PDB file of N, CA and C in Angstrom:
ATOM      1  N   MET A   1      11.315 102.196  16.312  1.00  0.00           N
ATOM      2  CA  MET A   1       9.901 101.930  15.268  1.00  0.00           C
ATOM      3  C   MET A   1      10.201 100.621  15.363  1.00  0.00           C
ATOM      4  N   ARG A   2      10.831  99.552  15.370  1.00  0.00           N
ATOM      5  CA  ARG A   2      10.349  98.540  14.882  1.00  0.00           C
ATOM      6  C   ARG A   2       9.142  98.452  15.520  1.00  0.00           C
ATOM      7  N   TRP A   3       9.426  98.223  17.330  1.00  0.00           N
ATOM      8  CA  TRP A   3       8.460  98.577  18.279  1.00  0.00           C
ATOM      9  C   TRP A   3       7.216  98.533  18.062  1.00  0.00           C
ATOM     10  N   SER A   4       7.723  99.535  17.265  1.00  0.00           N
ATOM     11  CA  SER A   4       5.568 100.107  17.440  1.00  0.00           C
ATOM     12  C   SER A   4       5.202  99.921  16.204  1.00  0.00           C
ATOM     13  N   VAL A   5       5.923  99.235  15.578  1.00  0.00           N
ATOM     14  CA  VAL A   5       5.159  98.306  13.961  1.00  0.00           C
ATOM     15  C   VAL A   5       5.033  97.070  14.489  1.00  0.00           C
ATOM     16  N   ILE A   6       5.571  96.409  15.269  1.00  0.00           N
ATOM     17  CA  ILE A   6       4.529  95.465  15.909  1.00  0.00           C
ATOM     18  C   ILE A   6       3.603  95.369  16.737  1.00  0.00           C
ATOM     19  N   TYR A   7       3.884  96.351  17.324  1.00  0.00           N
ATOM     20  CA  TYR A   7       2.777  96.602  18.785  1.00  0.00           C
ATOM     21  C   TYR A   7       2.035  97.089  17.458  1.00  0.00           C
ATOM     22  N   ILE A   8       1.286  98.082  16.708  1.00  0.00           N
ATOM     23  CA  ILE A   8       0.806  98.024  15.261  1.00  0.00           C
ATOM     24  C   ILE A   8      -0.547  97.038  15.264  1.00  0.00           C
ATOM     25  N   GLU A   9       0.984  95.834  14.376  1.00  0.00           N
ATOM     26  CA  GLU A   9       0.105  94.758  14.023  1.00  0.00           C
ATOM     27  C   GLU A   9      -0.427  94.016  14.982  1.00  0.00           C
ATOM     28  N   ASN A  10      -0.211  93.694  16.486  1.00  0.00           N
ATOM     29  CA  ASN A  10      -0.961  93.108  17.173  1.00  0.00           C
ATOM     30  C   ASN A  10      -1.767  94.499  18.353  1.00  0.00           C
ATOM     31  N   THR A  11      -1.958  95.329  17.909  1.00  0.00           N
ATOM     32  CA  THR A  11      -3.548  95.743  18.103  1.00  0.00           C
ATOM     33  C   THR A  11      -4.579  95.087  16.742  1.00  0.00           C
ATOM     34  N   GLU A  12      -4.121  95.390  15.520  1.00  0.00           N
ATOM     35  CA  GLU A  12      -4.747  94.916  14.966  1.00  0.00           C
ATOM     36  C   GLU A  12      -5.619  94.129  14.746  1.00  0.00           C
ATOM     37  N   LEU A  13      -4.745  93.369  15.138  1.00  0.00           N
ATOM     38  CA  LEU A  13      -4.826  91.227  15.179  1.00  0.00           C
ATOM     39  C   LEU A  13      -5.613  91.363  16.361  1.00  0.00           C
ATOM     40  N   LYS A  14      -5.546  91.774  17.196  1.00  0.00           N
ATOM     41  CA  LYS A  14      -6.937  91.761  17.852  1.00  0.00           C
ATOM     42  C   LYS A  14      -8.171  92.295  17.964  1.00  0.00           C
ATOM     43  N   GLU A  15      -8.218  93.770  17.203  1.00  0.00           N
ATOM     44  CA  GLU A  15      -8.912  94.343  16.488  1.00  0.00           C
ATOM     45  C   GLU A  15     -10.069  93.113  15.560  1.00  0.00           C
ATOM     46  N   ILE A  16      -9.287  92.341  15.074  1.00  0.00           N
ATOM     47  CA  ILE A  16      -9.920  91.373  13.934  1.00  0.00           C
ATOM     48  C   ILE A  16     -10.609  90.058  14.264  1.00  0.00           C
ATOM     49  N   THR A  17      -9.747  89.154  15.842  1.00  0.00           N
ATOM     50  CA  THR A  17     -10.561  89.028  16.172  1.00  0.00           C
ATOM     51  C   THR A  17     -11.592  88.843  17.598  1.00  0.00           C
ATOM     52  N   GLU A  18     -11.674  90.602  18.035  1.00  0.00           N
ATOM     53  CA  GLU A  18     -13.413  90.683  18.252  1.00  0.00           C
ATOM     54  C   GLU A  18     -14.179  91.128  17.005  1.00  0.00           C
ATOM     55  N   THR A  19     -13.059  90.672  16.253  1.00  0.00           N
ATOM     56  CA  THR A  19     -15.106  91.391  15.356  1.00  0.00           C
ATOM     57  C   THR A  19     -15.282  90.395  15.019  1.00  0.00           C
ATOM     58  N   LYS A  20     -14.340  89.670  14.508  1.00  0.00           N
ATOM     59  CA  LYS A  20     -14.976  87.863  14.533  1.00  0.00           C
ATOM     60  C   LYS A  20     -15.857  86.977  15.969  1.00  0.00           C
ATOM     61  N   HIS A  21     -15.050  87.363  16.916  1.00  0.00           N
ATOM     62  CA  HIS A  21     -16.188  87.534  17.539  1.00  0.00           C
ATOM     63  C   HIS A  21     -17.654  87.240  18.066  1.00  0.00           C
ATOM     64  N   GLU A  22     -17.834  89.055  17.237  1.00  0.00           N
ATOM     65  CA  GLU A  22     -19.304  89.665  17.586  1.00  0.00           C
ATOM     66  C   GLU A  22     -19.741  89.032  16.158  1.00  0.00           C
ATOM     67  N   HIS A  23     -19.541  88.858  15.127  1.00  0.00           N
ATOM     68  CA  HIS A  23     -20.038  88.380  14.433  1.00  0.00           C
ATOM     69  C   HIS A  23     -20.454  86.684  14.645  1.00  0.00           C
ATOM     70  N   LEU A  24     -20.124  85.981  15.457  1.00  0.00           N
ATOM     71  CA  LEU A  24     -20.048  84.470  15.856  1.00  0.00           C
ATOM     72  C   LEU A  24     -21.921  84.251  17.178  1.00  0.00           C
ATOM     73  N   GLN A  25     -21.943  85.669  17.978  1.00  0.00           N
ATOM     74  CA  GLN A  25     -23.078  85.292  18.745  1.00  0.00           C
ATOM     75  C   GLN A  25     -23.967  85.343  17.692  1.00  0.00           C
ATOM     76  N   MET A  26     -24.918  84.618  18.470  1.00  0.00           N
ATOM     77  CA  MET A  26     -26.572  84.058  17.885  1.00  0.00           C
ATOM     78  C   MET A  26     -27.435  84.896  18.253  1.00  0.00           C
ATOM     79  N   PRO A  27     -28.994  85.649  17.734  1.00  0.00           N
ATOM     80  CA  PRO A  27     -29.717  86.652  18.202  1.00  0.00           C
ATOM     81  C   PRO A  27     -30.386  85.403  19.220  1.00  0.00           C
ATOM     82  N   TRP A  28     -30.413  86.568  19.615  1.00  0.00           N
ATOM     83  CA  TRP A  28     -31.498  86.197  20.470  1.00  0.00           C
ATOM     84  C   TRP A  28     -32.604  85.436  20.521  1.00  0.00           C
ATOM     85  N   TRP A  29     -33.900  85.573  19.367  1.00  0.00           N
ATOM     86  CA  TRP A  29     -34.603  85.490  18.411  1.00  0.00           C
ATOM     87  C   TRP A  29     -34.102  83.624  18.510  1.00  0.00           C
ATOM     88  N   ASN A  30     -33.452  83.602  18.193  1.00  0.00           N
ATOM     89  CA  ASN A  30     -32.762  81.746  17.974  1.00  0.00           C
ATOM     90  C   ASN A  30     -32.459  80.831  18.796  1.00  0.00           C
ATOM     91  N   LYS A  31     -31.978  81.481  19.608  1.00  0.00           N
ATOM     92  CA  LYS A  31     -31.368  80.792  21.317  1.00  0.00           C
ATOM     93  C   LYS A  31     -32.301  79.933  22.049  1.00  0.00           C
ATOM     94  N   PHE A  32     -32.343  78.215  22.039  1.00  0.00           N
ATOM     95  CA  PHE A  32     -32.843  77.717  22.868  1.00  0.00           C
ATOM     96  C   PHE A  32     -33.228  77.941  24.364  1.00  0.00           C
ATOM     97  N   THR A  33     -31.947  78.280  24.325  1.00  0.00           N
ATOM     98  CA  THR A  33     -32.258  78.702  26.344  1.00  0.00           C
ATOM     99  C   THR A  33     -31.482  79.865  26.141  1.00  0.00           C
ATOM    100  N   PHE A  34     -31.789  80.020  27.580  1.00  0.00           N
ATOM    101  CA  PHE A  34     -31.106  81.291  28.343  1.00  0.00           C
ATOM    102  C   PHE A  34     -30.355  81.067  29.741  1.00  0.00           C
ATOM    103  N   SER A  35     -29.640  81.490  30.191  1.00  0.00           N
ATOM    104  CA  SER A  35     -29.787  81.970  31.155  1.00  0.00           C
ATOM    105  C   SER A  35     -30.437  82.991  31.734  1.00  0.00           C
ATOM    106  N   VAL A  36     -30.322  82.456  33.187  1.00  0.00           N
ATOM    107  CA  VAL A  36     -31.357  83.633  34.547  1.00  0.00           C
ATOM    108  C   VAL A  36     -31.347  85.221  33.889  1.00  0.00           C
ATOM    109  N   GLN A  37     -30.406  85.712  33.887  1.00  0.00           N
ATOM    110  CA  GLN A  37     -30.085  87.017  32.955  1.00  0.00           C
ATOM    111  C   GLN A  37     -29.945  87.185  32.354  1.00  0.00           C
ATOM    112  N   GLU A  38     -29.662  85.929  31.480  1.00  0.00           N
ATOM    113  CA  GLU A  38     -30.677  86.546  29.184  1.00  0.00           C
ATOM    114  C   GLU A  38     -31.850  86.481  29.526  1.00  0.00           C
ATOM    115  N   ALA A  39     -32.484  85.939  29.982  1.00  0.00           N
ATOM    116  CA  ALA A  39     -33.989  85.616  30.680  1.00  0.00           C
ATOM    117  C   ALA A  39     -34.479  87.444  30.884  1.00  0.00           C
ATOM    118  N   SER A  40     -34.295  87.081  31.979  1.00  0.00           N
ATOM    119  CA  SER A  40     -35.138  88.892  32.601  1.00  0.00           C
ATOM    120  C   SER A  40     -34.444  89.597  31.825  1.00  0.00           C
ATOM    121  N   GLU A  41     -34.013  89.714  30.925  1.00  0.00           N
ATOM    122  CA  GLU A  41     -33.600  91.255  29.812  1.00  0.00           C
ATOM    123  C   GLU A  41     -34.678  90.783  28.675  1.00  0.00           C
ATOM    124  N   TYR A  42     -34.777  89.605  27.859  1.00  0.00           N
ATOM    125  CA  TYR A  42     -35.698  89.858  27.665  1.00  0.00           C
ATOM    126  C   TYR A  42     -37.330  89.870  27.108  1.00  0.00           C
ATOM    127  N   PHE A  43     -37.127  89.183  28.270  1.00  0.00           N
ATOM    128  CA  PHE A  43     -38.554  89.120  29.273  1.00  0.00           C
ATOM    129  C   PHE A  43     -39.765  90.685  29.993  1.00  0.00           C
ATOM    130  N   GLY A  44     -38.199  91.263  30.667  1.00  0.00           N
ATOM    131  CA  GLY A  44     -38.814  91.925  31.185  1.00  0.00           C
ATOM    132  C   GLY A  44     -38.190  92.166  32.515  1.00  0.00           C
ATOM    133  N   PHE A  45     -38.920  90.611  32.680  1.00  0.00           N
ATOM    134  CA  PHE A  45     -38.722  90.135  34.338  1.00  0.00           C
ATOM    135  C   PHE A  45     -37.565  91.060  35.004  1.00  0.00           C
ATOM    136  N   SER A  46     -37.635  90.947  36.533  1.00  0.00           N
ATOM    137  CA  SER A  46     -35.537  90.706  37.064  1.00  0.00           C
ATOM    138  C   SER A  46     -35.744  89.498  37.689  1.00  0.00           C
ATOM    139  N   ASP A  47     -33.895  89.282  37.232  1.00  0.00           N
ATOM    140  CA  ASP A  47     -33.459  88.131  38.161  1.00  0.00           C
ATOM    141  C   ASP A  47     -34.310  87.667  39.219  1.00  0.00           C
ATOM    142  N   LYS A  48     -34.953  88.802  40.142  1.00  0.00           N
ATOM    143  CA  LYS A  48     -35.413  87.363  41.059  1.00  0.00           C
ATOM    144  C   LYS A  48     -37.190  87.429  40.777  1.00  0.00           C
ATOM    145  N   LYS A  49     -37.834  88.188  39.716  1.00  0.00           N
ATOM    146  CA  LYS A  49     -38.362  86.840  39.903  1.00  0.00           C
ATOM    147  C   LYS A  49     -38.842  85.847  38.902  1.00  0.00           C
ATOM    148  N   ILE A  50     -37.446  85.711  38.031  1.00  0.00           N
ATOM    149  CA  ILE A  50     -37.329  84.681  37.353  1.00  0.00           C
ATOM    150  C   ILE A  50     -37.202  83.754  38.938  1.00  0.00           C
ATOM    151  N   ARG A  51     -35.869  83.935  39.622  1.00  0.00           N
ATOM    152  CA  ARG A  51     -35.432  82.461  40.017  1.00  0.00           C
ATOM    153  C   ARG A  51     -36.869  82.008  41.394  1.00  0.00           C
ATOM    154  N   LYS A  52     -36.946  83.084  41.421  1.00  0.00           N
ATOM    155  CA  LYS A  52     -38.328  82.490  42.505  1.00  0.00           C
ATOM    156  C   LYS A  52     -38.917  81.932  41.639  1.00  0.00           C
ATOM    157  N   LEU A  53     -39.573  82.334  40.016  1.00  0.00           N
ATOM    158  CA  LEU A  53     -41.175  81.731  39.550  1.00  0.00           C
ATOM    159  C   LEU A  53     -40.204  79.979  38.971  1.00  0.00           C
ATOM    160  N   ILE A  54     -38.594  80.131  38.997  1.00  0.00           N
ATOM    161  CA  ILE A  54     -38.127  78.670  39.146  1.00  0.00           C
ATOM    162  C   ILE A  54     -38.123  77.964  40.484  1.00  0.00           C
ATOM    163  N   ASP A  55     -37.636  78.463  41.201  1.00  0.00           N
ATOM    164  CA  ASP A  55     -37.887  77.648  42.338  1.00  0.00           C
ATOM    165  C   ASP A  55     -39.034  77.068  42.701  1.00  0.00           C
ATOM    166  N   GLU A  56     -40.519  78.410  42.141  1.00  0.00           N
ATOM    167  CA  GLU A  56     -41.394  78.096  41.981  1.00  0.00           C
ATOM    168  C   GLU A  56     -42.215  76.779  41.648  1.00  0.00           C
ATOM    169  N   ASN A  57     -41.411  76.347  40.901  1.00  0.00           N
ATOM    170  CA  ASN A  57     -41.457  75.395  39.253  1.00  0.00           C
ATOM    171  C   ASN A  57     -40.950  74.855  39.096  1.00  0.00           C
ATOM    172  N   GLU A  58     -39.927  73.985  40.058  1.00  0.00           N
ATOM    173  CA  GLU A  58     -38.913  72.774  39.977  1.00  0.00           C
ATOM    174  C   GLU A  58     -38.141  72.370  38.888  1.00  0.00           C
ATOM    175  N   ASP A  59     -39.766  71.061  38.387  1.00  0.00           N
ATOM    176  CA  ASP A  59     -39.785  70.840  37.105  1.00  0.00           C
ATOM    177  C   ASP A  59     -40.633  70.578  36.613  1.00  0.00           C
ATOM    178  N   ALA A  60     -40.666  72.023  35.892  1.00  0.00           N
ATOM    179  CA  ALA A  60     -41.887  72.639  35.112  1.00  0.00           C
ATOM    180  C   ALA A  60     -41.024  72.235  33.549  1.00  0.00           C
ATOM    181  N   ASP A  61     -41.415  72.086  32.804  1.00  0.00           N
ATOM    182  CA  ASP A  61     -40.102  71.671  31.080  1.00  0.00           C
ATOM    183  C   ASP A  61     -40.175  72.815  30.931  1.00  0.00           C
ATOM    184  N   PHE A  62     -40.362  74.565  31.110  1.00  0.00           N
ATOM    185  CA  PHE A  62     -39.061  75.109  31.325  1.00  0.00           C
ATOM    186  C   PHE A  62     -38.181  75.226  31.506  1.00  0.00           C
ATOM    187  N   ILE A  63     -37.548  74.503  32.036  1.00  0.00           N
ATOM    188  CA  ILE A  63     -36.398  74.617  32.956  1.00  0.00           C
ATOM    189  C   ILE A  63     -36.001  73.436  32.551  1.00  0.00           C
ATOM    190  N   LEU A  64     -34.448  74.492  32.063  1.00  0.00           N
ATOM    191  CA  LEU A  64     -33.456  72.497  31.453  1.00  0.00           C
ATOM    192  C   LEU A  64     -32.468  73.247  32.841  1.00  0.00           C
ATOM    193  N   TRP A  65     -31.569  72.443  33.346  1.00  0.00           N
ATOM    194  CA  TRP A  65     -30.700  72.226  34.689  1.00  0.00           C
ATOM    195  C   TRP A  65     -29.599  71.314  34.032  1.00  0.00           C
ATOM    196  N   ASN A  66     -28.549  72.578  33.775  1.00  0.00           N
ATOM    197  CA  ASN A  66     -27.178  72.160  33.385  1.00  0.00           C
ATOM    198  C   ASN A  66     -26.708  72.601  34.988  1.00  0.00           C
ATOM    199  N   GLY A  67     -26.250  71.128  35.958  1.00  0.00           N
ATOM    200  CA  GLY A  67     -25.750  70.578  36.805  1.00  0.00           C
ATOM    201  C   GLY A  67     -26.797  71.627  37.690  1.00  0.00           C
ATOM    202  N   SER A  68     -26.498  72.570  39.089  1.00  0.00           N
ATOM    203  CA  SER A  68     -27.128  73.449  39.993  1.00  0.00           C
ATOM    204  C   SER A  68     -27.849  74.280  39.146  1.00  0.00           C
ATOM    205  N   ARG A  69     -27.619  75.043  37.786  1.00  0.00           N
ATOM    206  CA  ARG A  69     -27.664  76.282  36.846  1.00  0.00           C
ATOM    207  C   ARG A  69     -28.959  75.692  36.650  1.00  0.00           C
ATOM    208  N   PRO A  70     -29.771  76.171  36.266  1.00  0.00           N
ATOM    209  CA  PRO A  70     -30.844  76.495  35.242  1.00  0.00           C
ATOM    210  C   PRO A  70     -31.148  77.399  34.210  1.00  0.00           C
ATOM    211  N   ARG A  71     -31.398  77.255  32.840  1.00  0.00           N
ATOM    212  CA  ARG A  71     -31.412  77.467  32.279  1.00  0.00           C
ATOM    213  C   ARG A  71     -32.685  76.993  31.673  1.00  0.00           C
ATOM    214  N   ILE A  72     -33.559  78.907  31.252  1.00  0.00           N
ATOM    215  CA  ILE A  72     -34.642  78.477  30.483  1.00  0.00           C
ATOM    216  C   ILE A  72     -35.020  78.241  29.000  1.00  0.00           C
ATOM    217  N   LYS A  73     -35.920  77.205  28.777  1.00  0.00           N
ATOM    218  CA  LYS A  73     -36.288  77.020  27.024  1.00  0.00           C
ATOM    219  C   LYS A  73     -37.566  78.193  27.439  1.00  0.00           C
ATOM    220  N   ARG A  74     -36.430  79.075  25.907  1.00  0.00           N
ATOM    221  CA  ARG A  74     -36.639  80.377  25.460  1.00  0.00           C
ATOM    222  C   ARG A  74     -38.891  80.024  25.381  1.00  0.00           C
ATOM    223  N   THR A  75     -39.187  78.629  24.138  1.00  0.00           N
ATOM    224  CA  THR A  75     -40.625  79.127  24.156  1.00  0.00           C
ATOM    225  C   THR A  75     -41.658  78.274  24.558  1.00  0.00           C
ATOM    226  N   LEU A  76     -41.034  77.611  25.568  1.00  0.00           N
ATOM    227  CA  LEU A  76     -41.972  76.873  26.532  1.00  0.00           C
ATOM    228  C   LEU A  76     -42.495  78.205  27.408  1.00  0.00           C
ATOM    229  N   PHE A  77     -41.556  78.400  28.161  1.00  0.00           N
ATOM    230  CA  PHE A  77     -41.120  80.174  29.321  1.00  0.00           C
ATOM    231  C   PHE A  77     -42.074  81.041  28.533  1.00  0.00           C
ATOM    232  N   GLU A  78     -42.415  81.170  27.554  1.00  0.00           N
ATOM    233  CA  GLU A  78     -43.411  82.408  26.863  1.00  0.00           C
ATOM    234  C   GLU A  78     -44.245  81.206  26.739  1.00  0.00           C
ATOM    235  N   GLN A  79     -44.429  79.634  26.349  1.00  0.00           N
ATOM    236  CA  GLN A  79     -46.180  79.127  26.826  1.00  0.00           C
ATOM    237  C   GLN A  79     -46.698  80.086  28.541  1.00  0.00           C
ATOM    238  N   PHE A  80     -45.437  79.148  29.072  1.00  0.00           N
ATOM    239  CA  PHE A  80     -45.732  79.432  30.620  1.00  0.00           C
ATOM    240  C   PHE A  80     -46.619  80.671  31.243  1.00  0.00           C
ATOM    241  N   VAL A  81     -46.081  81.348  30.356  1.00  0.00           N
ATOM    242  CA  VAL A  81     -46.110  83.148  30.291  1.00  0.00           C
ATOM    243  C   VAL A  81     -47.409  83.806  30.941  1.00  0.00           C
ATOM    244  N   ASN A  82     -47.616  83.106  28.552  1.00  0.00           N
ATOM    245  CA  ASN A  82     -48.837  83.448  28.300  1.00  0.00           C
ATOM    246  C   ASN A  82     -50.236  83.141  29.291  1.00  0.00           C
ATOM    247  N   GLU A  83     -50.052  81.484  29.668  1.00  0.00           N
ATOM    248  CA  GLU A  83     -50.850  80.314  29.945  1.00  0.00           C
ATOM    249  C   GLU A  83     -51.078  80.705  31.742  1.00  0.00           C
ATOM    250  N   LYS A  84     -50.612  81.060  32.118  1.00  0.00           N
ATOM    251  CA  LYS A  84     -50.529  80.026  33.922  1.00  0.00           C
ATOM    252  C   LYS A  84     -49.943  81.821  34.545  1.00  0.00           C
ATOM    253  N   LEU A  85     -49.449  83.234  33.806  1.00  0.00           N
ATOM    254  CA  LEU A  85     -48.943  84.187  34.340  1.00  0.00           C
ATOM    255  C   LEU A  85     -50.205  85.406  34.146  1.00  0.00           C
ATOM    256  N   THR A  86     -51.031  86.518  35.581  1.00  0.00           N
ATOM    257  CA  THR A  86     -51.854  86.891  35.113  1.00  0.00           C
ATOM    258  C   THR A  86     -51.521  88.096  35.705  1.00  0.00           C
ATOM    259  N   ALA A  87     -50.663  87.846  36.317  1.00  0.00           N
ATOM    260  CA  ALA A  87     -49.775  89.101  37.192  1.00  0.00           C
ATOM    261  C   ALA A  87     -48.209  89.086  37.762  1.00  0.00           C
ATOM    262  N   ILE A  88     -47.671  90.270  37.547  1.00  0.00           N
ATOM    263  CA  ILE A  88     -46.490  89.432  38.352  1.00  0.00           C
ATOM    264  C   ILE A  88     -45.713  90.563  39.459  1.00  0.00           C
TER     265      ILE A  88
END
């Protein structure tokens, strides 16, 4: 009986920790940069299309390089899409 009480307490602690973590996530519209996958979900483009745009515009202002990993600056990429892209 004592073991089950400890298990229940550990489960409740885990649930509380997971709930706190969920509240700490920043909303998409407040993020400054996106990963390639986040950008593809946010803008509705495929991962391949985002990577192709990165490869074609490696020195563009909307890319922030974290080592060899690109991060997409949300507002600058929105401007790029509005001004430069006519078809995807």
